[in-house]
PDB file of N, CA and C in Angstrom:
ATOM      1  N   MET A   1       9.086  -9.030  -3.466  1.00  0.00           N
ATOM      2  CA  MET A   1       7.994  -9.040  -2.504  1.00  0.00           C
ATOM      3  C   MET A   1       8.558  -8.828  -1.104  1.00  0.00           C
ATOM      4  N   LYS A   2       7.870  -8.016  -0.362  1.00  0.00           N
ATOM      5  CA  LYS A   2       8.259  -7.754   1.009  1.00  0.00           C
ATOM      6  C   LYS A   2       7.325  -8.519   1.933  1.00  0.00           C
ATOM      7  N   GLU A   3       7.907  -9.088   2.984  1.00  0.00           N
ATOM      8  CA  GLU A   3       7.127  -9.866   3.937  1.00  0.00           C
ATOM      9  C   GLU A   3       7.227  -9.206   5.307  1.00  0.00           C
ATOM     10  N   LEU A   4       6.128  -9.250   6.055  1.00  0.00           N
ATOM     11  CA  LEU A   4       6.055  -8.587   7.344  1.00  0.00           C
ATOM     12  C   LEU A   4       5.202  -9.420   8.287  1.00  0.00           C
ATOM     13  N   THR A   5       5.676  -9.608   9.519  1.00  0.00           N
ATOM     14  CA  THR A   5       4.874 -10.292  10.530  1.00  0.00           C
ATOM     15  C   THR A   5       4.060  -9.236  11.268  1.00  0.00           C
ATOM     16  N   LEU A   6       2.753  -9.422  11.270  1.00  0.00           N
ATOM     17  CA  LEU A   6       1.836  -8.477  11.897  1.00  0.00           C
ATOM     18  C   LEU A   6       1.712  -8.764  13.392  1.00  0.00           C
ATOM     19  N   PRO A   7       1.220  -7.792  14.179  1.00  0.00           N
ATOM     20  CA  PRO A   7       1.050  -8.016  15.622  1.00  0.00           C
ATOM     21  C   PRO A   7       0.218  -9.256  15.957  1.00  0.00           C
ATOM     22  N   SER A   8      -0.723  -9.627  15.095  1.00  0.00           N
ATOM     23  CA  SER A   8      -1.556 -10.803  15.342  1.00  0.00           C
ATOM     24  C   SER A   8      -0.795 -12.107  15.119  1.00  0.00           C
ATOM     25  N   GLY A   9       0.416 -12.011  14.545  1.00  0.00           N
ATOM     26  CA  GLY A   9       1.190 -13.206  14.220  1.00  0.00           C
ATOM     27  C   GLY A   9       1.026 -13.649  12.775  1.00  0.00           C
ATOM     28  N   LYS A  10       0.078 -13.061  12.073  1.00  0.00           N
ATOM     29  CA  LYS A  10      -0.116 -13.387  10.657  1.00  0.00           C
ATOM     30  C   LYS A  10       1.008 -12.773   9.827  1.00  0.00           C
ATOM     31  N   THR A  11       1.230 -13.337   8.650  1.00  0.00           N
ATOM     32  CA  THR A  11       2.270 -12.836   7.760  1.00  0.00           C
ATOM     33  C   THR A  11       1.636 -12.113   6.582  1.00  0.00           C
ATOM     34  N   ALA A  12       2.055 -10.872   6.390  1.00  0.00           N
ATOM     35  CA  ALA A  12       1.594 -10.082   5.247  1.00  0.00           C
ATOM     36  C   ALA A  12       2.694 -10.075   4.200  1.00  0.00           C
ATOM     37  N   THR A  13       2.312 -10.311   2.958  1.00  0.00           N
ATOM     38  CA  THR A  13       3.241 -10.254   1.833  1.00  0.00           C
ATOM     39  C   THR A  13       2.735  -9.198   0.872  1.00  0.00           C
ATOM     40  N   PHE A  14       3.620  -8.283   0.514  1.00  0.00           N
ATOM     41  CA  PHE A  14       3.257  -7.194  -0.394  1.00  0.00           C
ATOM     42  C   PHE A  14       3.745  -7.513  -1.796  1.00  0.00           C
ATOM     43  N   LYS A  15       2.812  -7.535  -2.739  1.00  0.00           N
ATOM     44  CA  LYS A  15       3.146  -7.774  -4.137  1.00  0.00           C
ATOM     45  C   LYS A  15       3.507  -6.447  -4.797  1.00  0.00           C
ATOM     46  N   LYS A  16       4.264  -6.525  -5.865  1.00  0.00           N
ATOM     47  CA  LYS A  16       4.592  -5.335  -6.634  1.00  0.00           C
ATOM     48  C   LYS A  16       3.369  -4.955  -7.465  1.00  0.00           C
ATOM     49  N   GLY A  17       3.003  -3.704  -7.422  1.00  0.00           N
ATOM     50  CA  GLY A  17       1.852  -3.232  -8.178  1.00  0.00           C
ATOM     51  C   GLY A  17       2.290  -2.469  -9.417  1.00  0.00           C
ATOM     52  N   ASN A  18       1.292  -2.017 -10.164  1.00  0.00           N
ATOM     53  CA  ASN A  18       1.549  -1.192 -11.343  1.00  0.00           C
ATOM     54  C   ASN A  18       0.416  -0.172 -11.452  1.00  0.00           C
ATOM     55  N   GLY A  19       0.360   0.531 -12.560  1.00  0.00           N
ATOM     56  CA  GLY A  19      -0.682   1.532 -12.747  1.00  0.00           C
ATOM     57  C   GLY A  19      -2.077   0.945 -12.673  1.00  0.00           C
ATOM     58  N   GLN A  20      -2.241  -0.258 -13.201  1.00  0.00           N
ATOM     59  CA  GLN A  20      -3.547  -0.914 -13.160  1.00  0.00           C
ATOM     60  C   GLN A  20      -3.967  -1.190 -11.719  1.00  0.00           C
ATOM     61  N   THR A  21      -2.994  -1.490 -10.857  1.00  0.00           N
ATOM     62  CA  THR A  21      -3.265  -1.736  -9.444  1.00  0.00           C
ATOM     63  C   THR A  21      -3.867  -0.490  -8.800  1.00  0.00           C
ATOM     64  N   VAL A  22      -3.274   0.660  -9.086  1.00  0.00           N
ATOM     65  CA  VAL A  22      -3.764   1.925  -8.534  1.00  0.00           C
ATOM     66  C   VAL A  22      -5.158   2.230  -9.079  1.00  0.00           C
ATOM     67  N   LEU A  23      -5.354   2.036 -10.359  1.00  0.00           N
ATOM     68  CA  LEU A  23      -6.656   2.287 -10.971  1.00  0.00           C
ATOM     69  C   LEU A  23      -7.725   1.369 -10.379  1.00  0.00           C
ATOM     70  N   ASN A  24      -7.401   0.099 -10.186  1.00  0.00           N
ATOM     71  CA  ASN A  24      -8.352  -0.839  -9.572  1.00  0.00           C
ATOM     72  C   ASN A  24      -8.751  -0.377  -8.174  1.00  0.00           C
ATOM     73  N   ALA A  25      -7.767   0.062  -7.393  1.00  0.00           N
ATOM     74  CA  ALA A  25      -8.050   0.530  -6.032  1.00  0.00           C
ATOM     75  C   ALA A  25      -8.955   1.757  -6.072  1.00  0.00           C
ATOM     76  N   GLN A  26      -8.679   2.685  -6.983  1.00  0.00           N
ATOM     77  CA  GLN A  26      -9.503   3.884  -7.086  1.00  0.00           C
ATOM     78  C   GLN A  26     -10.936   3.538  -7.486  1.00  0.00           C
ATOM     79  N   ARG A  27     -11.100   2.568  -8.360  1.00  0.00           N
ATOM     80  CA  ARG A  27     -12.438   2.164  -8.796  1.00  0.00           C
ATOM     81  C   ARG A  27     -13.222   1.480  -7.677  1.00  0.00           C
ATOM     82  N   LYS A  28     -12.521   0.716  -6.848  1.00  0.00           N
ATOM     83  CA  LYS A  28     -13.191  -0.031  -5.780  1.00  0.00           C
ATOM     84  C   LYS A  28     -13.561   0.846  -4.589  1.00  0.00           C
ATOM     85  N   ALA A  29     -12.844   1.953  -4.414  1.00  0.00           N
ATOM     86  CA  ALA A  29     -13.118   2.859  -3.293  1.00  0.00           C
ATOM     87  C   ALA A  29     -14.340   3.719  -3.606  1.00  0.00           C
ATOM     88  N   LYS A  30     -15.245   3.784  -2.661  1.00  0.00           N
ATOM     89  CA  LYS A  30     -16.434   4.620  -2.847  1.00  0.00           C
ATOM     90  C   LYS A  30     -16.129   6.083  -2.531  1.00  0.00           C
ATOM     91  N   TYR A  31     -15.184   6.296  -1.617  1.00  0.00           N
ATOM     92  CA  TYR A  31     -14.801   7.631  -1.174  1.00  0.00           C
ATOM     93  C   TYR A  31     -13.277   7.726  -1.192  1.00  0.00           C
ATOM     94  N   PRO A  32     -12.738   8.926  -1.344  1.00  0.00           N
ATOM     95  CA  PRO A  32     -11.277   9.079  -1.404  1.00  0.00           C
ATOM     96  C   PRO A  32     -10.529   8.482  -0.208  1.00  0.00           C
ATOM     97  N   GLU A  33     -11.115   8.587   0.974  1.00  0.00           N
ATOM     98  CA  GLU A  33     -10.433   8.056   2.162  1.00  0.00           C
ATOM     99  C   GLU A  33     -10.355   6.525   2.175  1.00  0.00           C
ATOM    100  N   GLU A  34     -11.062   5.861   1.280  1.00  0.00           N
ATOM    101  CA  GLU A  34     -11.032   4.397   1.184  1.00  0.00           C
ATOM    102  C   GLU A  34      -9.960   3.893   0.213  1.00  0.00           C
ATOM    103  N   ILE A  35      -9.347   4.781  -0.541  1.00  0.00           N
ATOM    104  CA  ILE A  35      -8.381   4.356  -1.557  1.00  0.00           C
ATOM    105  C   ILE A  35      -7.215   3.599  -0.936  1.00  0.00           C
ATOM    106  N   MET A  36      -6.715   4.064   0.199  1.00  0.00           N
ATOM    107  CA  MET A  36      -5.572   3.388   0.826  1.00  0.00           C
ATOM    108  C   MET A  36      -5.946   1.958   1.211  1.00  0.00           C
ATOM    109  N   PHE A  37      -7.131   1.748   1.761  1.00  0.00           N
ATOM    110  CA  PHE A  37      -7.568   0.395   2.122  1.00  0.00           C
ATOM    111  C   PHE A  37      -7.685  -0.473   0.867  1.00  0.00           C
ATOM    112  N   ALA A  38      -8.261   0.098  -0.180  1.00  0.00           N
ATOM    113  CA  ALA A  38      -8.416  -0.660  -1.426  1.00  0.00           C
ATOM    114  C   ALA A  38      -7.055  -0.996  -2.027  1.00  0.00           C
ATOM    115  N   LEU A  39      -6.105  -0.079  -1.929  1.00  0.00           N
ATOM    116  CA  LEU A  39      -4.766  -0.338  -2.449  1.00  0.00           C
ATOM    117  C   LEU A  39      -4.057  -1.416  -1.625  1.00  0.00           C
ATOM    118  N   ILE A  40      -4.203  -1.356  -0.315  1.00  0.00           N
ATOM    119  CA  ILE A  40      -3.632  -2.409   0.542  1.00  0.00           C
ATOM    120  C   ILE A  40      -4.204  -3.765   0.130  1.00  0.00           C
ATOM    121  N   ALA A  41      -5.505  -3.831  -0.070  1.00  0.00           N
ATOM    122  CA  ALA A  41      -6.138  -5.092  -0.459  1.00  0.00           C
ATOM    123  C   ALA A  41      -5.624  -5.580  -1.812  1.00  0.00           C
ATOM    124  N   GLU A  42      -5.356  -4.661  -2.720  1.00  0.00           N
ATOM    125  CA  GLU A  42      -4.871  -5.038  -4.057  1.00  0.00           C
ATOM    126  C   GLU A  42      -3.488  -5.685  -4.022  1.00  0.00           C
ATOM    127  N   ILE A  43      -2.632  -5.233  -3.100  1.00  0.00           N
ATOM    128  CA  ILE A  43      -1.231  -5.680  -3.146  1.00  0.00           C
ATOM    129  C   ILE A  43      -0.823  -6.614  -2.009  1.00  0.00           C
ATOM    130  N   THR A  44      -1.743  -6.940  -1.116  1.00  0.00           N
ATOM    131  CA  THR A  44      -1.370  -7.696   0.082  1.00  0.00           C
ATOM    132  C   THR A  44      -1.997  -9.083   0.119  1.00  0.00           C
ATOM    133  N   ASP A  45      -1.176 -10.056   0.460  1.00  0.00           N
ATOM    134  CA  ASP A  45      -1.653 -11.398   0.807  1.00  0.00           C
ATOM    135  C   ASP A  45      -1.427 -11.567   2.297  1.00  0.00           C
ATOM    136  N   ILE A  46      -2.360 -12.213   2.975  1.00  0.00           N
ATOM    137  CA  ILE A  46      -2.215 -12.517   4.400  1.00  0.00           C
ATOM    138  C   ILE A  46      -2.143 -14.021   4.539  1.00  0.00           C
ATOM    139  N   ASP A  47      -1.060 -14.481   5.137  1.00  0.00           N
ATOM    140  CA  ASP A  47      -0.812 -15.921   5.279  1.00  0.00           C
ATOM    141  C   ASP A  47      -0.972 -16.653   3.949  1.00  0.00           C
ATOM    142  N   GLY A  48      -0.472 -16.009   2.884  1.00  0.00           N
ATOM    143  CA  GLY A  48      -0.465 -16.629   1.565  1.00  0.00           C
ATOM    144  C   GLY A  48      -1.765 -16.540   0.785  1.00  0.00           C
ATOM    145  N   GLN A  49      -2.770 -15.867   1.360  1.00  0.00           N
ATOM    146  CA  GLN A  49      -4.071 -15.757   0.694  1.00  0.00           C
ATOM    147  C   GLN A  49      -4.358 -14.299   0.332  1.00  0.00           C
ATOM    148  N   PRO A  50      -4.876 -14.063  -0.868  1.00  0.00           N
ATOM    149  CA  PRO A  50      -5.255 -12.691  -1.214  1.00  0.00           C
ATOM    150  C   PRO A  50      -6.384 -12.211  -0.314  1.00  0.00           C
ATOM    151  N   ILE A  51      -6.440 -10.913  -0.108  1.00  0.00           N
ATOM    152  CA  ILE A  51      -7.514 -10.339   0.703  1.00  0.00           C
ATOM    153  C   ILE A  51      -8.311  -9.356  -0.155  1.00  0.00           C
ATOM    154  N   VAL A  52      -9.479  -9.007   0.326  1.00  0.00           N
ATOM    155  CA  VAL A  52     -10.310  -7.984  -0.304  1.00  0.00           C
ATOM    156  C   VAL A  52     -10.521  -6.870   0.717  1.00  0.00           C
ATOM    157  N   TYR A  53     -11.013  -5.758   0.228  1.00  0.00           N
ATOM    158  CA  TYR A  53     -11.242  -4.572   1.051  1.00  0.00           C
ATOM    159  C   TYR A  53     -11.996  -4.915   2.342  1.00  0.00           C
ATOM    160  N   GLU A  54     -13.053  -5.691   2.217  1.00  0.00           N
ATOM    161  CA  GLU A  54     -13.885  -6.031   3.377  1.00  0.00           C
ATOM    162  C   GLU A  54     -13.103  -6.818   4.429  1.00  0.00           C
ATOM    163  N   ASP A  55     -12.098  -7.595   4.005  1.00  0.00           N
ATOM    164  CA  ASP A  55     -11.261  -8.316   4.964  1.00  0.00           C
ATOM    165  C   ASP A  55     -10.532  -7.347   5.890  1.00  0.00           C
ATOM    166  N   LEU A  56     -10.066  -6.235   5.334  1.00  0.00           N
ATOM    167  CA  LEU A  56      -9.369  -5.241   6.152  1.00  0.00           C
ATOM    168  C   LEU A  56     -10.280  -4.669   7.226  1.00  0.00           C
ATOM    169  N   LEU A  57     -11.552  -4.512   6.909  1.00  0.00           N
ATOM    170  CA  LEU A  57     -12.504  -3.958   7.873  1.00  0.00           C
ATOM    171  C   LEU A  57     -12.703  -4.875   9.076  1.00  0.00           C
ATOM    172  N   GLU A  58     -12.454  -6.160   8.886  1.00  0.00           N
ATOM    173  CA  GLU A  58     -12.632  -7.146   9.953  1.00  0.00           C
ATOM    174  C   GLU A  58     -11.336  -7.483  10.690  1.00  0.00           C
ATOM    175  N   MET A  59     -10.193  -7.001  10.191  1.00  0.00           N
ATOM    176  CA  MET A  59      -8.902  -7.323  10.798  1.00  0.00           C
ATOM    177  C   MET A  59      -8.690  -6.551  12.094  1.00  0.00           C
ATOM    178  N   ASP A  60      -7.799  -7.072  12.946  1.00  0.00           N
ATOM    179  CA  ASP A  60      -7.417  -6.364  14.162  1.00  0.00           C
ATOM    180  C   ASP A  60      -6.884  -4.981  13.804  1.00  0.00           C
ATOM    181  N   MET A  61      -7.247  -3.995  14.602  1.00  0.00           N
ATOM    182  CA  MET A  61      -6.845  -2.624  14.341  1.00  0.00           C
ATOM    183  C   MET A  61      -5.322  -2.487  14.239  1.00  0.00           C
ATOM    184  N   GLU A  62      -4.595  -3.178  15.108  1.00  0.00           N
ATOM    185  CA  GLU A  62      -3.140  -3.080  15.088  1.00  0.00           C
ATOM    186  C   GLU A  62      -2.563  -3.562  13.759  1.00  0.00           C
ATOM    187  N   ASP A  63      -3.116  -4.643  13.231  1.00  0.00           N
ATOM    188  CA  ASP A  63      -2.662  -5.158  11.936  1.00  0.00           C
ATOM    189  C   ASP A  63      -2.943  -4.152  10.825  1.00  0.00           C
ATOM    190  N   VAL A  64      -4.144  -3.577  10.842  1.00  0.00           N
ATOM    191  CA  VAL A  64      -4.523  -2.610   9.810  1.00  0.00           C
ATOM    192  C   VAL A  64      -3.626  -1.374   9.877  1.00  0.00           C
ATOM    193  N   LEU A  65      -3.346  -0.906  11.081  1.00  0.00           N
ATOM    194  CA  LEU A  65      -2.491   0.273  11.226  1.00  0.00           C
ATOM    195  C   LEU A  65      -1.075   0.001  10.733  1.00  0.00           C
ATOM    196  N   ILE A  66      -0.563  -1.193  10.975  1.00  0.00           N
ATOM    197  CA  ILE A  66       0.780  -1.548  10.487  1.00  0.00           C
ATOM    198  C   ILE A  66       0.782  -1.615   8.966  1.00  0.00           C
ATOM    199  N   LEU A  67      -0.218  -2.242   8.369  1.00  0.00           N
ATOM    200  CA  LEU A  67      -0.302  -2.312   6.911  1.00  0.00           C
ATOM    201  C   LEU A  67      -0.390  -0.911   6.306  1.00  0.00           C
ATOM    202  N   ASN A  68      -1.211  -0.072   6.909  1.00  0.00           N
ATOM    203  CA  ASN A  68      -1.363   1.298   6.442  1.00  0.00           C
ATOM    204  C   ASN A  68      -0.045   2.067   6.566  1.00  0.00           C
ATOM    205  N   ALA A  69       0.642   1.900   7.684  1.00  0.00           N
ATOM    206  CA  ALA A  69       1.917   2.593   7.894  1.00  0.00           C
ATOM    207  C   ALA A  69       2.961   2.140   6.876  1.00  0.00           C
ATOM    208  N   GLN A  70       2.986   0.845   6.572  1.00  0.00           N
ATOM    209  CA  GLN A  70       3.942   0.333   5.588  1.00  0.00           C
ATOM    210  C   GLN A  70       3.708   0.959   4.223  1.00  0.00           C
ATOM    211  N   LEU A  71       2.471   0.980   3.793  1.00  0.00           N
ATOM    212  CA  LEU A  71       2.163   1.535   2.480  1.00  0.00           C
ATOM    213  C   LEU A  71       2.336   3.053   2.473  1.00  0.00           C
ATOM    214  N   SER A  72       1.910   3.720   3.533  1.00  0.00           N
ATOM    215  CA  SER A  72       2.067   5.174   3.618  1.00  0.00           C
ATOM    216  C   SER A  72       3.537   5.564   3.598  1.00  0.00           C
ATOM    217  N   GLY A  73       4.356   4.800   4.314  1.00  0.00           N
ATOM    218  CA  GLY A  73       5.791   5.072   4.327  1.00  0.00           C
ATOM    219  C   GLY A  73       6.413   4.904   2.952  1.00  0.00           C
ATOM    220  N   LYS A  74       5.981   3.880   2.232  1.00  0.00           N
ATOM    221  CA  LYS A  74       6.498   3.652   0.881  1.00  0.00           C
ATOM    222  C   LYS A  74       6.082   4.789  -0.044  1.00  0.00           C
ATOM    223  N   LEU A  75       4.826   5.214   0.049  1.00  0.00           N
ATOM    224  CA  LEU A  75       4.344   6.313  -0.788  1.00  0.00           C
ATOM    225  C   LEU A  75       5.082   7.611  -0.470  1.00  0.00           C
ATOM    226  N   GLN A  76       5.309   7.868   0.808  1.00  0.00           N
ATOM    227  CA  GLN A  76       6.020   9.075   1.208  1.00  0.00           C
ATOM    228  C   GLN A  76       7.455   9.054   0.680  1.00  0.00           C
ATOM    229  N   SER A  77       8.098   7.908   0.755  1.00  0.00           N
ATOM    230  CA  SER A  77       9.451   7.765   0.239  1.00  0.00           C
ATOM    231  C   SER A  77       9.498   8.010  -1.269  1.00  0.00           C
ATOM    232  N   LEU A  78       8.521   7.465  -1.995  1.00  0.00           N
ATOM    233  CA  LEU A  78       8.455   7.676  -3.442  1.00  0.00           C
ATOM    234  C   LEU A  78       8.232   9.143  -3.781  1.00  0.00           C
ATOM    235  N   GLN A  79       7.380   9.809  -3.013  1.00  0.00           N
ATOM    236  CA  GLN A  79       7.110  11.225  -3.255  1.00  0.00           C
ATOM    237  C   GLN A  79       8.368  12.056  -3.031  1.00  0.00           C
ATOM    238  N   GLN A  80       9.104  11.756  -1.965  1.00  0.00           N
ATOM    239  CA  GLN A  80      10.319  12.497  -1.683  1.00  0.00           C
ATOM    240  C   GLN A  80      11.354  12.285  -2.777  1.00  0.00           C
ATOM    241  N   SER A  81      11.473  11.060  -3.255  1.00  0.00           N
ATOM    242  CA  SER A  81      12.410  10.771  -4.342  1.00  0.00           C
ATOM    243  C   SER A  81      12.025  11.528  -5.605  1.00  0.00           C
ATOM    244  N   ALA A  82      10.740  11.535  -5.905  1.00  0.00           N
ATOM    245  CA  ALA A  82      10.268  12.230  -7.106  1.00  0.00           C
ATOM    246  C   ALA A  82      10.493  13.731  -6.987  1.00  0.00           C
ATOM    247  N   LEU A  83      10.216  14.301  -5.822  1.00  0.00           N
ATOM    248  CA  LEU A  83      10.430  15.736  -5.623  1.00  0.00           C
ATOM    249  C   LEU A  83      11.907  16.084  -5.731  1.00  0.00           C
ATOM    250  N   TYR A  84      12.754  15.247  -5.170  1.00  0.00           N
ATOM    251  CA  TYR A  84      14.193  15.479  -5.239  1.00  0.00           C
ATOM    252  C   TYR A  84      14.658  15.432  -6.699  1.00  0.00           C
ATOM    253  N   SER A  85      14.192  14.442  -7.435  1.00  0.00           N
ATOM    254  CA  SER A  85      14.581  14.310  -8.841  1.00  0.00           C
ATOM    255  C   SER A  85      14.090  15.503  -9.660  1.00  0.00           C
ATOM    256  N   PHE A  86      12.890  15.981  -9.346  1.00  0.00           N
ATOM    257  CA  PHE A  86      12.309  17.098 -10.075  1.00  0.00           C
ATOM    258  C   PHE A  86      13.066  18.392  -9.780  1.00  0.00           C
ATOM    259  N   ALA A  87      13.467  18.587  -8.514  1.00  0.00           N
ATOM    260  CA  ALA A  87      14.133  19.813  -8.097  1.00  0.00           C
ATOM    261  C   ALA A  87      15.614  19.831  -8.449  1.00  0.00           C
ATOM    262  N   LYS A  88      16.200  18.676  -8.651  1.00  0.00           N
ATOM    263  CA  LYS A  88      17.629  18.563  -8.934  1.00  0.00           C
ATOM    264  C   LYS A  88      17.917  19.100 -10.331  1.00  0.00           C
ATOM    265  N   PRO A  89      18.864  20.039 -10.451  1.00  0.00           N
ATOM    266  CA  PRO A  89      19.191  20.568 -11.773  1.00  0.00           C
ATOM    267  C   PRO A  89      19.729  19.471 -12.703  1.00  0.00           C
ATOM    268  N   GLN A  90      19.275  19.493 -13.921  1.00  0.00           N
ATOM    269  CA  GLN A  90      19.728  18.517 -14.930  1.00  0.00           C
ATOM    270  C   GLN A  90      21.035  18.998 -15.535  1.00  0.00           C
ATOM    271  N   ALA A  91      21.901  18.070 -15.898  1.00  0.00           N
ATOM    272  CA  ALA A  91      23.168  18.406 -16.539  1.00  0.00           C
ATOM    273  C   ALA A  91      22.913  19.157 -17.831  1.00  0.00           C
ATOM    274  N   GLY A  92      23.654  20.238 -18.044  1.00  0.00           N
ATOM    275  CA  GLY A  92      23.541  20.999 -19.262  1.00  0.00           C
ATOM    276  C   GLY A  92      22.459  22.063 -19.219  1.00  0.00           C
ATOM    277  N   ASN A  93      21.729  22.181 -18.102  1.00  0.00           N
ATOM    278  CA  ASN A  93      20.675  23.208 -17.995  1.00  0.00           C
ATOM    279  C   ASN A  93      21.140  24.358 -17.153  1.00  0.00           C
TER     280      ASN A  93
END
């Protein structure tokens, strides 16, 4: 679990997710642009308490932007790793 102090002083803790986590977020989002918020809500506790999508809508903008940046950065890193692995020639090929 990764822990982060938000600009508001609250502590965000990110839980490890799985495929079900992604599916839950997709189901809860009404529109594609809401998936990131739903995913943040699925994996984040604030000050030790789970949050829901609607909680993010009420949070300080700075906190929401930091949470979004953390998750976006992780997703971008995973994508780059996957692309590198896919493009890298396999031994014996």
